[in-house]
Amino acid sequence: MTTQTTAFEALTFRLGQEEYGVDILKVQEIRGQDRVTRIAQSPDFIHGVVNLRGVIVPIVDLRRRFGLAADDTPATVVMVLNIGGRIVGMVVDGVSDVIRLAPGDIRPAPQTGSAFDTEFLLGLGTVDDRMLILLDIERLMSSDELGLIERLAA
């Protein structure tokens, strides 16, 4: 986990009952779900690929990646992210809003010993009565498991 020293603007979204946030500067667009082409023998959390204006974009279903039920609803969308010059789509249960967090609004994520590794978290953001799980989307998408983005220089 990294320490935030400047204000952070997060696009908030839902996965199951929890609210997450990702750096708004990484978000290129939000789209409805397009028909995807499945890739044989890919992990179940790789939803497939789509052709987005001539670019082949892998689509990751974060619900499945995090072990949640992947039930589509009318609110289910794909967040298209630009990470290190690579375009990746993320299926989420719904997008809420953009929230600005001051450095004091972000707390370190507790070590839980669970299957979800906190190395993919920037921390927990608190605004009013809301708590956001802030994802380090670059680290998640470049993880050994996903390997969708080359590791960026530290």
N, C-alpha and C. Protein backbone atom coordinates (compact mmCIF):
# COMPACT_ATOMS: atom_id res chain seq x y z
N MET A 1 0.84 -1.17 0.00
CA MET A 1 0.00 0.00 0.00
C MET A 1 0.88 1.24 0.00
N THR A 2 0.47 2.25 -0.76
CA THR A 2 1.21 3.49 -0.81
C THR A 2 0.53 4.55 0.03
N THR A 3 1.28 5.55 0.45
CA THR A 3 0.72 6.63 1.24
C THR A 3 0.38 7.79 0.32
N GLN A 4 -0.86 8.27 0.39
CA GLN A 4 -1.31 9.40 -0.40
C GLN A 4 -0.87 10.69 0.28
N THR A 5 -0.19 11.56 -0.46
CA THR A 5 0.23 12.84 0.11
C THR A 5 -0.49 14.01 -0.54
N THR A 6 -1.27 13.74 -1.57
CA THR A 6 -2.04 14.78 -2.24
C THR A 6 -3.50 14.34 -2.31
N ALA A 7 -4.37 15.28 -2.67
CA ALA A 7 -5.79 14.94 -2.83
C ALA A 7 -5.91 13.89 -3.92
N PHE A 8 -6.93 13.06 -3.80
CA PHE A 8 -7.13 11.94 -4.70
C PHE A 8 -8.58 11.97 -5.16
N GLU A 9 -8.80 11.96 -6.46
CA GLU A 9 -10.16 11.90 -6.99
C GLU A 9 -10.42 10.49 -7.48
N ALA A 10 -11.47 9.90 -6.93
CA ALA A 10 -11.80 8.51 -7.24
C ALA A 10 -13.17 8.42 -7.90
N LEU A 11 -13.24 7.60 -8.95
CA LEU A 11 -14.53 7.21 -9.49
C LEU A 11 -14.99 6.03 -8.63
N THR A 12 -16.17 6.14 -8.05
CA THR A 12 -16.66 5.09 -7.17
C THR A 12 -17.54 4.13 -7.95
N PHE A 13 -17.46 2.86 -7.55
CA PHE A 13 -18.27 1.82 -8.20
C PHE A 13 -18.56 0.73 -7.19
N ARG A 14 -19.55 -0.08 -7.52
CA ARG A 14 -19.96 -1.16 -6.63
C ARG A 14 -19.54 -2.51 -7.19
N LEU A 15 -19.14 -3.37 -6.28
CA LEU A 15 -18.94 -4.80 -6.54
C LEU A 15 -19.65 -5.50 -5.40
N GLY A 16 -20.73 -6.18 -5.70
CA GLY A 16 -21.54 -6.78 -4.63
C GLY A 16 -22.07 -5.68 -3.73
N GLN A 17 -21.89 -5.85 -2.44
CA GLN A 17 -22.39 -4.88 -1.46
C GLN A 17 -21.38 -3.80 -1.10
N GLU A 18 -20.17 -3.90 -1.63
CA GLU A 18 -19.10 -2.98 -1.25
C GLU A 18 -18.90 -1.89 -2.29
N GLU A 19 -18.39 -0.76 -1.81
CA GLU A 19 -18.11 0.38 -2.68
C GLU A 19 -16.60 0.54 -2.82
N TYR A 20 -16.15 0.66 -4.05
CA TYR A 20 -14.74 0.76 -4.38
C TYR A 20 -14.47 2.09 -5.06
N GLY A 21 -13.20 2.44 -5.14
CA GLY A 21 -12.80 3.64 -5.86
C GLY A 21 -11.54 3.37 -6.65
N VAL A 22 -11.43 4.03 -7.79
CA VAL A 22 -10.25 3.93 -8.63
C VAL A 22 -9.90 5.35 -9.10
N ASP A 23 -8.63 5.62 -9.28
CA ASP A 23 -8.15 6.93 -9.72
C ASP A 23 -8.90 7.37 -10.97
N ILE A 24 -9.58 8.49 -10.88
CA ILE A 24 -10.39 8.99 -12.01
C ILE A 24 -9.53 9.25 -13.24
N LEU A 25 -8.25 9.55 -13.06
CA LEU A 25 -7.38 9.83 -14.19
C LEU A 25 -7.09 8.58 -15.03
N LYS A 26 -7.37 7.40 -14.49
CA LYS A 26 -7.16 6.15 -15.22
C LYS A 26 -8.39 5.77 -16.06
N VAL A 27 -9.53 6.40 -15.80
CA VAL A 27 -10.78 6.03 -16.46
C VAL A 27 -10.90 6.77 -17.79
N GLN A 28 -11.05 6.00 -18.85
CA GLN A 28 -11.21 6.57 -20.19
C GLN A 28 -12.68 6.77 -20.53
N GLU A 29 -13.51 5.77 -20.22
CA GLU A 29 -14.95 5.88 -20.47
C GLU A 29 -15.68 4.80 -19.71
N ILE A 30 -17.00 4.96 -19.65
CA ILE A 30 -17.88 3.96 -19.04
C ILE A 30 -18.86 3.54 -20.12
N ARG A 31 -18.99 2.23 -20.31
CA ARG A 31 -19.82 1.70 -21.39
C ARG A 31 -20.77 0.64 -20.85
N GLY A 32 -21.84 0.44 -21.58
CA GLY A 32 -22.68 -0.72 -21.32
C GLY A 32 -21.89 -1.95 -21.74
N GLN A 33 -22.40 -3.10 -21.41
CA GLN A 33 -21.70 -4.32 -21.77
C GLN A 33 -21.91 -4.63 -23.25
N ASP A 34 -20.82 -4.79 -23.97
CA ASP A 34 -20.86 -5.20 -25.36
C ASP A 34 -20.72 -6.71 -25.41
N ARG A 35 -21.05 -7.28 -26.55
CA ARG A 35 -20.82 -8.71 -26.76
C ARG A 35 -19.32 -8.94 -26.78
N VAL A 36 -18.87 -9.90 -25.98
CA VAL A 36 -17.44 -10.18 -25.89
C VAL A 36 -17.13 -11.48 -26.61
N THR A 37 -15.90 -11.59 -27.05
CA THR A 37 -15.38 -12.83 -27.61
C THR A 37 -14.59 -13.52 -26.51
N ARG A 38 -15.02 -14.72 -26.14
CA ARG A 38 -14.33 -15.48 -25.09
C ARG A 38 -13.02 -16.02 -25.64
N ILE A 39 -12.05 -16.10 -24.81
CA ILE A 39 -10.75 -16.67 -25.15
C ILE A 39 -10.68 -18.06 -24.50
N ALA A 40 -10.42 -19.09 -25.31
CA ALA A 40 -10.38 -20.46 -24.81
C ALA A 40 -9.32 -20.60 -23.70
N GLN A 41 -9.68 -21.35 -22.68
CA GLN A 41 -8.81 -21.69 -21.56
C GLN A 41 -8.31 -20.47 -20.76
N SER A 42 -9.01 -19.35 -20.88
CA SER A 42 -8.63 -18.20 -20.05
C SER A 42 -9.30 -18.35 -18.68
N PRO A 43 -8.74 -17.74 -17.65
CA PRO A 43 -9.37 -17.82 -16.32
C PRO A 43 -10.80 -17.28 -16.38
N ASP A 44 -11.66 -17.75 -15.48
CA ASP A 44 -13.07 -17.35 -15.54
C ASP A 44 -13.28 -15.86 -15.31
N PHE A 45 -12.33 -15.18 -14.66
CA PHE A 45 -12.49 -13.74 -14.45
C PHE A 45 -12.11 -12.92 -15.68
N ILE A 46 -11.52 -13.54 -16.70
CA ILE A 46 -11.30 -12.85 -17.97
C ILE A 46 -12.57 -13.04 -18.77
N HIS A 47 -13.37 -12.01 -18.85
CA HIS A 47 -14.68 -12.06 -19.48
C HIS A 47 -14.54 -12.32 -20.98
N GLY A 48 -13.46 -11.83 -21.57
CA GLY A 48 -13.22 -11.97 -23.00
C GLY A 48 -12.55 -10.72 -23.54
N VAL A 49 -12.70 -10.49 -24.83
CA VAL A 49 -12.15 -9.29 -25.46
C VAL A 49 -13.22 -8.65 -26.32
N VAL A 50 -13.10 -7.33 -26.51
CA VAL A 50 -13.98 -6.59 -27.41
C VAL A 50 -13.12 -5.74 -28.34
N ASN A 51 -13.68 -5.41 -29.49
CA ASN A 51 -13.03 -4.50 -30.42
C ASN A 51 -13.61 -3.12 -30.16
N LEU A 52 -12.79 -2.24 -29.61
CA LEU A 52 -13.23 -0.90 -29.25
C LEU A 52 -12.53 0.10 -30.17
N ARG A 53 -13.24 0.51 -31.20
CA ARG A 53 -12.70 1.46 -32.19
C ARG A 53 -11.34 1.00 -32.74
N GLY A 54 -11.28 -0.29 -33.09
CA GLY A 54 -10.07 -0.84 -33.70
C GLY A 54 -9.03 -1.34 -32.73
N VAL A 55 -9.28 -1.22 -31.43
CA VAL A 55 -8.34 -1.70 -30.41
C VAL A 55 -8.97 -2.92 -29.73
N ILE A 56 -8.22 -4.02 -29.66
CA ILE A 56 -8.69 -5.21 -28.96
C ILE A 56 -8.45 -5.00 -27.46
N VAL A 57 -9.54 -5.01 -26.71
CA VAL A 57 -9.50 -4.68 -25.28
C VAL A 57 -9.89 -5.90 -24.45
N PRO A 58 -8.99 -6.35 -23.56
CA PRO A 58 -9.38 -7.43 -22.64
C PRO A 58 -10.35 -6.89 -21.59
N ILE A 59 -11.33 -7.72 -21.25
CA ILE A 59 -12.34 -7.34 -20.26
C ILE A 59 -12.21 -8.26 -19.05
N VAL A 60 -11.95 -7.66 -17.89
CA VAL A 60 -11.80 -8.40 -16.64
C VAL A 60 -13.08 -8.22 -15.82
N ASP A 61 -13.63 -9.32 -15.35
CA ASP A 61 -14.79 -9.25 -14.47
C ASP A 61 -14.27 -9.23 -13.03
N LEU A 62 -14.21 -8.02 -12.45
CA LEU A 62 -13.67 -7.90 -11.09
C LEU A 62 -14.49 -8.66 -10.07
N ARG A 63 -15.78 -8.83 -10.33
CA ARG A 63 -16.61 -9.59 -9.39
C ARG A 63 -16.07 -11.01 -9.26
N ARG A 64 -15.81 -11.63 -10.38
CA ARG A 64 -15.28 -13.00 -10.35
C ARG A 64 -13.86 -13.02 -9.80
N ARG A 65 -13.06 -12.04 -10.16
CA ARG A 65 -11.67 -11.98 -9.68
C ARG A 65 -11.63 -11.92 -8.16
N PHE A 66 -12.62 -11.23 -7.56
CA PHE A 66 -12.66 -11.08 -6.11
C PHE A 66 -13.55 -12.13 -5.45
N GLY A 67 -14.01 -13.14 -6.22
CA GLY A 67 -14.79 -14.23 -5.65
C GLY A 67 -16.23 -13.87 -5.33
N LEU A 68 -16.79 -12.89 -6.03
CA LEU A 68 -18.17 -12.48 -5.80
C LEU A 68 -19.08 -13.06 -6.88
N ALA A 69 -20.38 -13.08 -6.62
CA ALA A 69 -21.34 -13.52 -7.63
C ALA A 69 -21.32 -12.53 -8.79
N ALA A 70 -21.38 -13.05 -10.00
CA ALA A 70 -21.32 -12.19 -11.19
C ALA A 70 -22.69 -12.14 -11.85
N ASP A 71 -23.63 -11.54 -11.15
CA ASP A 71 -24.99 -11.42 -11.66
C ASP A 71 -25.17 -10.05 -12.32
N ASP A 72 -25.39 -10.06 -13.63
CA ASP A 72 -25.59 -8.81 -14.35
C ASP A 72 -26.96 -8.22 -14.03
N THR A 73 -26.99 -6.90 -13.90
CA THR A 73 -28.22 -6.15 -13.71
C THR A 73 -28.22 -5.01 -14.73
N PRO A 74 -29.29 -4.25 -14.83
CA PRO A 74 -29.27 -3.10 -15.75
C PRO A 74 -28.17 -2.08 -15.41
N ALA A 75 -27.69 -2.07 -14.15
CA ALA A 75 -26.65 -1.12 -13.75
C ALA A 75 -25.24 -1.61 -14.07
N THR A 76 -25.09 -2.89 -14.46
CA THR A 76 -23.77 -3.44 -14.75
C THR A 76 -23.15 -2.71 -15.94
N VAL A 77 -21.90 -2.28 -15.77
CA VAL A 77 -21.21 -1.53 -16.82
C VAL A 77 -19.77 -2.01 -16.94
N VAL A 78 -19.12 -1.54 -18.00
CA VAL A 78 -17.70 -1.78 -18.19
C VAL A 78 -16.99 -0.44 -18.08
N MET A 79 -16.05 -0.37 -17.14
CA MET A 79 -15.20 0.82 -17.03
C MET A 79 -13.98 0.56 -17.92
N VAL A 80 -13.76 1.45 -18.88
CA VAL A 80 -12.60 1.33 -19.76
C VAL A 80 -11.49 2.18 -19.16
N LEU A 81 -10.37 1.54 -18.87
CA LEU A 81 -9.25 2.19 -18.20
C LEU A 81 -8.06 2.29 -19.14
N ASN A 82 -7.30 3.36 -19.00
CA ASN A 82 -6.04 3.52 -19.71
C ASN A 82 -4.95 3.47 -18.65
N ILE A 83 -4.21 2.36 -18.66
CA ILE A 83 -3.19 2.14 -17.64
C ILE A 83 -1.86 1.94 -18.35
N GLY A 84 -0.98 2.89 -18.19
CA GLY A 84 0.34 2.79 -18.81
C GLY A 84 0.26 2.67 -20.32
N GLY A 85 -0.72 3.32 -20.93
CA GLY A 85 -0.87 3.27 -22.39
C GLY A 85 -1.62 2.05 -22.89
N ARG A 86 -2.02 1.15 -21.99
CA ARG A 86 -2.80 -0.02 -22.37
C ARG A 86 -4.25 0.20 -21.99
N ILE A 87 -5.16 -0.28 -22.83
CA ILE A 87 -6.59 -0.15 -22.58
C ILE A 87 -7.11 -1.49 -22.04
N VAL A 88 -7.82 -1.43 -20.92
CA VAL A 88 -8.38 -2.61 -20.26
C VAL A 88 -9.79 -2.27 -19.82
N GLY A 89 -10.71 -3.21 -19.94
CA GLY A 89 -12.08 -3.03 -19.45
C GLY A 89 -12.29 -3.79 -18.16
N MET A 90 -13.12 -3.25 -17.28
CA MET A 90 -13.45 -3.86 -16.00
C MET A 90 -14.95 -3.90 -15.83
N VAL A 91 -15.52 -5.10 -15.68
CA VAL A 91 -16.95 -5.23 -15.42
C VAL A 91 -17.19 -4.96 -13.94
N VAL A 92 -18.12 -4.04 -13.66
CA VAL A 92 -18.49 -3.71 -12.29
C VAL A 92 -20.01 -3.66 -12.18
N ASP A 93 -20.52 -3.74 -10.96
CA ASP A 93 -21.97 -3.78 -10.74
C ASP A 93 -22.65 -2.43 -10.94
N GLY A 94 -21.91 -1.36 -10.97
CA GLY A 94 -22.49 -0.05 -11.19
C GLY A 94 -21.51 1.03 -10.79
N VAL A 95 -21.62 2.18 -11.45
CA VAL A 95 -20.76 3.33 -11.16
C VAL A 95 -21.59 4.35 -10.40
N SER A 96 -21.00 4.95 -9.37
CA SER A 96 -21.74 5.89 -8.54
C SER A 96 -21.40 7.34 -8.88
N ASP A 97 -20.24 7.81 -8.43
CA ASP A 97 -19.89 9.21 -8.61
C ASP A 97 -18.39 9.40 -8.46
N VAL A 98 -17.97 10.66 -8.55
CA VAL A 98 -16.57 11.00 -8.35
C VAL A 98 -16.46 11.67 -6.99
N ILE A 99 -15.51 11.20 -6.19
CA ILE A 99 -15.31 11.74 -4.85
C ILE A 99 -13.87 12.22 -4.72
N ARG A 100 -13.73 13.40 -4.14
CA ARG A 100 -12.39 13.95 -3.87
C ARG A 100 -12.04 13.63 -2.42
N LEU A 101 -10.90 12.96 -2.24
CA LEU A 101 -10.44 12.58 -0.92
C LEU A 101 -9.17 13.35 -0.58
N ALA A 102 -9.16 13.97 0.58
CA ALA A 102 -7.95 14.62 1.08
C ALA A 102 -7.04 13.53 1.64
N PRO A 103 -5.73 13.80 1.76
CA PRO A 103 -4.84 12.77 2.31
C PRO A 103 -5.31 12.22 3.66
N GLY A 104 -5.89 13.06 4.49
CA GLY A 104 -6.38 12.60 5.79
C GLY A 104 -7.62 11.73 5.73
N ASP A 105 -8.26 11.66 4.55
CA ASP A 105 -9.45 10.82 4.37
C ASP A 105 -9.09 9.39 4.00
N ILE A 106 -7.80 9.12 3.79
CA ILE A 106 -7.36 7.80 3.33
C ILE A 106 -6.56 7.12 4.44
N ARG A 107 -7.02 5.95 4.83
CA ARG A 107 -6.38 5.17 5.89
C ARG A 107 -5.77 3.91 5.29
N PRO A 108 -4.71 3.39 5.92
CA PRO A 108 -4.13 2.13 5.44
C PRO A 108 -5.15 1.00 5.56
N ALA A 109 -5.10 0.07 4.62
CA ALA A 109 -5.98 -1.10 4.69
C ALA A 109 -5.46 -2.05 5.75
N PRO A 110 -6.34 -2.61 6.55
CA PRO A 110 -5.88 -3.55 7.57
C PRO A 110 -5.43 -4.86 6.93
N GLN A 111 -4.47 -5.51 7.53
CA GLN A 111 -4.04 -6.83 7.09
C GLN A 111 -5.07 -7.83 7.60
N THR A 112 -5.74 -8.51 6.67
CA THR A 112 -6.82 -9.41 7.09
C THR A 112 -6.45 -10.87 7.01
N GLY A 113 -5.39 -11.19 6.30
CA GLY A 113 -5.04 -12.58 6.13
C GLY A 113 -5.98 -13.31 5.19
N SER A 114 -6.79 -12.56 4.44
CA SER A 114 -7.76 -13.17 3.53
C SER A 114 -7.12 -13.43 2.18
N ALA A 115 -7.92 -14.02 1.29
CA ALA A 115 -7.44 -14.34 -0.05
C ALA A 115 -7.18 -13.06 -0.85
N PHE A 116 -7.86 -11.96 -0.47
CA PHE A 116 -7.66 -10.71 -1.20
C PHE A 116 -6.43 -10.03 -0.63
N ASP A 117 -5.44 -9.85 -1.47
CA ASP A 117 -4.16 -9.31 -1.03
C ASP A 117 -4.24 -7.79 -0.95
N THR A 118 -3.87 -7.22 0.20
CA THR A 118 -3.96 -5.77 0.37
C THR A 118 -2.90 -5.03 -0.44
N GLU A 119 -1.98 -5.75 -1.10
CA GLU A 119 -1.02 -5.05 -1.94
C GLU A 119 -1.70 -4.36 -3.12
N PHE A 120 -2.94 -4.73 -3.43
CA PHE A 120 -3.69 -4.11 -4.52
C PHE A 120 -4.55 -2.94 -4.05
N LEU A 121 -4.37 -2.54 -2.79
CA LEU A 121 -5.16 -1.45 -2.24
C LEU A 121 -4.30 -0.23 -1.99
N LEU A 122 -4.85 0.94 -2.29
CA LEU A 122 -4.21 2.19 -1.89
C LEU A 122 -4.56 2.48 -0.44
N GLY A 123 -5.72 1.99 -0.01
CA GLY A 123 -6.17 2.21 1.35
C GLY A 123 -7.67 2.23 1.39
N LEU A 124 -8.20 2.71 2.51
CA LEU A 124 -9.63 2.85 2.70
C LEU A 124 -9.95 4.34 2.80
N GLY A 125 -10.85 4.80 1.96
CA GLY A 125 -11.25 6.20 1.98
C GLY A 125 -12.53 6.38 2.75
N THR A 126 -12.58 7.43 3.56
CA THR A 126 -13.79 7.70 4.32
C THR A 126 -14.28 9.11 4.00
N VAL A 127 -15.54 9.18 3.61
CA VAL A 127 -16.20 10.46 3.33
C VAL A 127 -17.58 10.37 3.95
N ASP A 128 -17.86 11.27 4.88
CA ASP A 128 -19.12 11.24 5.63
C ASP A 128 -19.30 9.85 6.22
N ASP A 129 -20.41 9.17 5.88
CA ASP A 129 -20.63 7.83 6.43
C ASP A 129 -20.27 6.73 5.44
N ARG A 130 -19.56 7.09 4.37
CA ARG A 130 -19.18 6.11 3.34
C ARG A 130 -17.75 5.65 3.55
N MET A 131 -17.51 4.36 3.28
CA MET A 131 -16.16 3.84 3.27
C MET A 131 -15.91 3.24 1.90
N LEU A 132 -14.81 3.67 1.26
CA LEU A 132 -14.44 3.20 -0.07
C LEU A 132 -13.19 2.35 0.02
N ILE A 133 -13.19 1.25 -0.70
CA ILE A 133 -11.99 0.43 -0.85
C ILE A 133 -11.28 0.97 -2.08
N LEU A 134 -10.13 1.60 -1.88
CA LEU A 134 -9.42 2.26 -2.98
C LEU A 134 -8.42 1.29 -3.61
N LEU A 135 -8.68 0.94 -4.87
CA LEU A 135 -7.84 -0.02 -5.57
C LEU A 135 -6.63 0.65 -6.20
N ASP A 136 -5.50 -0.02 -6.12
CA ASP A 136 -4.31 0.35 -6.88
C ASP A 136 -4.44 -0.40 -8.20
N ILE A 137 -5.14 0.20 -9.14
CA ILE A 137 -5.51 -0.50 -10.36
C ILE A 137 -4.31 -0.85 -11.22
N GLU A 138 -3.27 -0.04 -11.20
CA GLU A 138 -2.06 -0.37 -11.96
C GLU A 138 -1.43 -1.64 -11.41
N ARG A 139 -1.31 -1.73 -10.11
CA ARG A 139 -0.70 -2.92 -9.50
C ARG A 139 -1.57 -4.16 -9.73
N LEU A 140 -2.89 -4.00 -9.62
CA LEU A 140 -3.79 -5.13 -9.84
C LEU A 140 -3.69 -5.64 -11.28
N MET A 141 -3.75 -4.75 -12.24
CA MET A 141 -3.75 -5.16 -13.65
C MET A 141 -2.38 -5.66 -14.11
N SER A 142 -1.32 -5.33 -13.38
CA SER A 142 0.01 -5.81 -13.75
C SER A 142 0.45 -6.98 -12.88
N SER A 143 -0.46 -7.47 -12.01
CA SER A 143 -0.12 -8.59 -11.13
C SER A 143 0.21 -9.83 -11.95
N ASP A 144 0.92 -10.74 -11.33
CA ASP A 144 1.29 -11.98 -12.01
C ASP A 144 0.06 -12.73 -12.50
N GLU A 145 -1.02 -12.69 -11.72
CA GLU A 145 -2.23 -13.42 -12.07
C GLU A 145 -2.89 -12.86 -13.31
N LEU A 146 -3.01 -11.53 -13.38
CA LEU A 146 -3.66 -10.92 -14.53
C LEU A 146 -2.67 -10.68 -15.66
N GLY A 147 -1.56 -10.03 -15.35
CA GLY A 147 -0.52 -9.81 -16.34
C GLY A 147 -0.98 -9.04 -17.56
N LEU A 148 -2.00 -8.18 -17.42
CA LEU A 148 -2.54 -7.46 -18.58
C LEU A 148 -1.72 -6.23 -18.93
N ILE A 149 -0.99 -5.73 -17.97
CA ILE A 149 -0.18 -4.52 -18.17
C ILE A 149 1.23 -4.87 -17.75
N GLU A 150 2.20 -4.44 -18.55
CA GLU A 150 3.59 -4.66 -18.13
C GLU A 150 3.83 -3.90 -16.84
N ARG A 151 4.65 -4.46 -16.01
CA ARG A 151 4.97 -3.76 -14.76
C ARG A 151 5.60 -2.42 -15.08
N LEU A 152 5.11 -1.40 -14.41
CA LEU A 152 5.62 -0.05 -14.61
C LEU A 152 6.81 0.17 -13.70
N ALA A 153 7.72 0.98 -14.12
CA ALA A 153 8.90 1.27 -13.30
C ALA A 153 8.46 1.85 -11.97
N ALA A 154 9.03 1.38 -10.89
CA ALA A 154 8.62 1.83 -9.55
C ALA A 154 9.17 3.19 -9.25
